[in-house]
Amino acid sequence: MTLLKILPAICIALTSCSAHEVEAVPGSITYDGAPKSRVQKAPIGSAVHNYVDYRGQRREETYIVQPDRSLKLVRREIVPD
């Protein structure tokens, strides 16, 4: 198997072991419930990125496409200027 084929499974395994879940904030794709549409073209297990301005800082969010095509927020970090 190539790394490219097993990488999504590794990402899902690592994110499911996290001690806490990342909370959605205003501007997050999943803020105030699930998004109205589901991801259709991205492969299951792949990462989707979103940028949001929150509390005066630019942040990058990482979502993982779930088997039902919903998005799970797994990481948010501040993007340096």
C-alpha atoms as a PDB file:
ATOM      1  CA  MET A   1       0.000   0.000   0.000  1.00  0.00           C
ATOM      2  CA  THR A   2       1.130   3.489  -0.681  1.00  0.00           C
ATOM      3  CA  LEU A   3       1.209   6.156   1.969  1.00  0.00           C
ATOM      4  CA  LEU A   4      -1.345   8.141  -0.012  1.00  0.00           C
ATOM      5  CA  LYS A   5      -3.881   5.323   0.311  1.00  0.00           C
ATOM      6  CA  ILE A   6      -3.466   4.814   4.066  1.00  0.00           C
ATOM      7  CA  LEU A   7      -2.999   8.461   5.088  1.00  0.00           C
ATOM      8  CA  PRO A   8      -6.762   9.201   5.465  1.00  0.00           C
ATOM      9  CA  ALA A   9      -7.154   6.209   7.784  1.00  0.00           C
ATOM     10  CA  ILE A  10      -4.200   7.383   9.860  1.00  0.00           C
ATOM     11  CA  CYS A  11      -5.705  10.884  10.125  1.00  0.00           C
ATOM     12  CA  ILE A  12      -9.050   9.520  11.273  1.00  0.00           C
ATOM     13  CA  ALA A  13      -7.376   7.235  13.820  1.00  0.00           C
ATOM     14  CA  LEU A  14      -5.306  10.068  15.243  1.00  0.00           C
ATOM     15  CA  THR A  15      -8.181  12.517  15.461  1.00  0.00           C
ATOM     16  CA  SER A  16     -10.478  10.025  17.151  1.00  0.00           C
ATOM     17  CA  CYS A  17      -7.960   9.706  19.999  1.00  0.00           C
ATOM     18  CA  SER A  18      -7.904  13.390  20.892  1.00  0.00           C
ATOM     19  CA  ALA A  19      -8.586  14.315  24.511  1.00  0.00           C
ATOM     20  CA  HIS A  20     -11.009  17.095  23.602  1.00  0.00           C
ATOM     21  CA  GLU A  21     -13.104  18.072  20.650  1.00  0.00           C
ATOM     22  CA  VAL A  22     -12.595  21.334  18.832  1.00  0.00           C
ATOM     23  CA  GLU A  23     -15.617  23.583  19.243  1.00  0.00           C
ATOM     24  CA  ALA A  24     -17.055  25.418  16.250  1.00  0.00           C
ATOM     25  CA  VAL A  25     -16.889  29.223  16.421  1.00  0.00           C
ATOM     26  CA  PRO A  26     -18.708  31.885  14.370  1.00  0.00           C
ATOM     27  CA  GLY A  27     -17.472  31.455  10.805  1.00  0.00           C
ATOM     28  CA  SER A  28     -16.818  27.710  11.167  1.00  0.00           C
ATOM     29  CA  ILE A  29     -18.467  25.499   8.583  1.00  0.00           C
ATOM     30  CA  THR A  30     -20.188  23.514  11.327  1.00  0.00           C
ATOM     31  CA  TYR A  31     -21.100  26.472  13.563  1.00  0.00           C
ATOM     32  CA  ASP A  32     -24.654  26.298  14.902  1.00  0.00           C
ATOM     33  CA  GLY A  33     -25.181  22.715  13.745  1.00  0.00           C
ATOM     34  CA  ALA A  34     -24.267  20.658  10.727  1.00  0.00           C
ATOM     35  CA  PRO A  35     -23.667  22.374   7.394  1.00  0.00           C
ATOM     36  CA  LYS A  36     -26.670  22.545   5.128  1.00  0.00           C
ATOM     37  CA  SER A  37     -24.924  20.625   2.350  1.00  0.00           C
ATOM     38  CA  ARG A  38     -22.599  17.650   2.445  1.00  0.00           C
ATOM     39  CA  VAL A  39     -19.256  17.294   0.716  1.00  0.00           C
ATOM     40  CA  GLN A  40     -19.818  15.379  -2.516  1.00  0.00           C
ATOM     41  CA  LYS A  41     -16.480  15.316  -4.352  1.00  0.00           C
ATOM     42  CA  ALA A  42     -13.866  15.037  -1.591  1.00  0.00           C
ATOM     43  CA  PRO A  43     -12.837  11.444  -0.768  1.00  0.00           C
ATOM     44  CA  ILE A  44     -13.923  10.042   2.590  1.00  0.00           C
ATOM     45  CA  GLY A  45     -11.163  10.631   5.126  1.00  0.00           C
ATOM     46  CA  SER A  46      -9.693  13.583   3.280  1.00  0.00           C
ATOM     47  CA  ALA A  47      -9.009  16.951   4.891  1.00  0.00           C
ATOM     48  CA  VAL A  48     -10.974  20.097   4.067  1.00  0.00           C
ATOM     49  CA  HIS A  49      -9.616  23.479   5.193  1.00  0.00           C
ATOM     50  CA  ASN A  50     -11.491  26.638   6.144  1.00  0.00           C
ATOM     51  CA  TYR A  51     -10.172  30.020   7.231  1.00  0.00           C
ATOM     52  CA  VAL A  52     -12.006  32.143   9.771  1.00  0.00           C
ATOM     53  CA  ASP A  53     -11.305  35.421  11.558  1.00  0.00           C
ATOM     54  CA  TYR A  54     -12.055  34.957  15.249  1.00  0.00           C
ATOM     55  CA  ARG A  55     -11.167  37.194  18.177  1.00  0.00           C
ATOM     56  CA  GLY A  56      -8.996  39.385  15.993  1.00  0.00           C
ATOM     57  CA  GLN A  57      -6.869  36.558  14.624  1.00  0.00           C
ATOM     58  CA  ARG A  58      -6.907  34.573  11.381  1.00  0.00           C
ATOM     59  CA  ARG A  59      -7.341  30.849  12.057  1.00  0.00           C
ATOM     60  CA  GLU A  60      -7.178  27.765   9.860  1.00  0.00           C
ATOM     61  CA  GLU A  61      -9.626  24.970  10.590  1.00  0.00           C
ATOM     62  CA  THR A  62      -9.191  21.396   9.428  1.00  0.00           C
ATOM     63  CA  TYR A  63     -12.183  19.134   8.869  1.00  0.00           C
ATOM     64  CA  ILE A  64     -12.205  15.414   7.995  1.00  0.00           C
ATOM     65  CA  VAL A  65     -14.822  14.095   5.549  1.00  0.00           C
ATOM     66  CA  GLN A  66     -16.812  11.400   7.368  1.00  0.00           C
ATOM     67  CA  PRO A  67     -18.296   8.232   5.768  1.00  0.00           C
ATOM     68  CA  ASP A  68     -21.744   9.900   5.618  1.00  0.00           C
ATOM     69  CA  ARG A  69     -20.128  12.891   3.805  1.00  0.00           C
ATOM     70  CA  SER A  70     -20.510  15.195   6.799  1.00  0.00           C
ATOM     71  CA  LEU A  71     -17.553  17.188   8.115  1.00  0.00           C
ATOM     72  CA  LYS A  72     -15.905  16.755  11.507  1.00  0.00           C
ATOM     73  CA  LEU A  73     -13.896  19.684  12.874  1.00  0.00           C
ATOM     74  CA  VAL A  74     -10.634  18.236  14.157  1.00  0.00           C
ATOM     75  CA  ARG A  75      -8.195  21.141  14.424  1.00  0.00           C
ATOM     76  CA  ARG A  76      -7.940  24.916  14.554  1.00  0.00           C
ATOM     77  CA  GLU A  77      -4.745  26.915  14.713  1.00  0.00           C
ATOM     78  CA  ILE A  78      -3.757  30.554  14.464  1.00  0.00           C
ATOM     79  CA  VAL A  79      -2.264  31.524  11.118  1.00  0.00           C
ATOM     80  CA  PRO A  80       0.699  33.886  11.530  1.00  0.00           C
ATOM     81  CA  ASP A  81       0.538  37.231   9.733  1.00  0.00           C
END
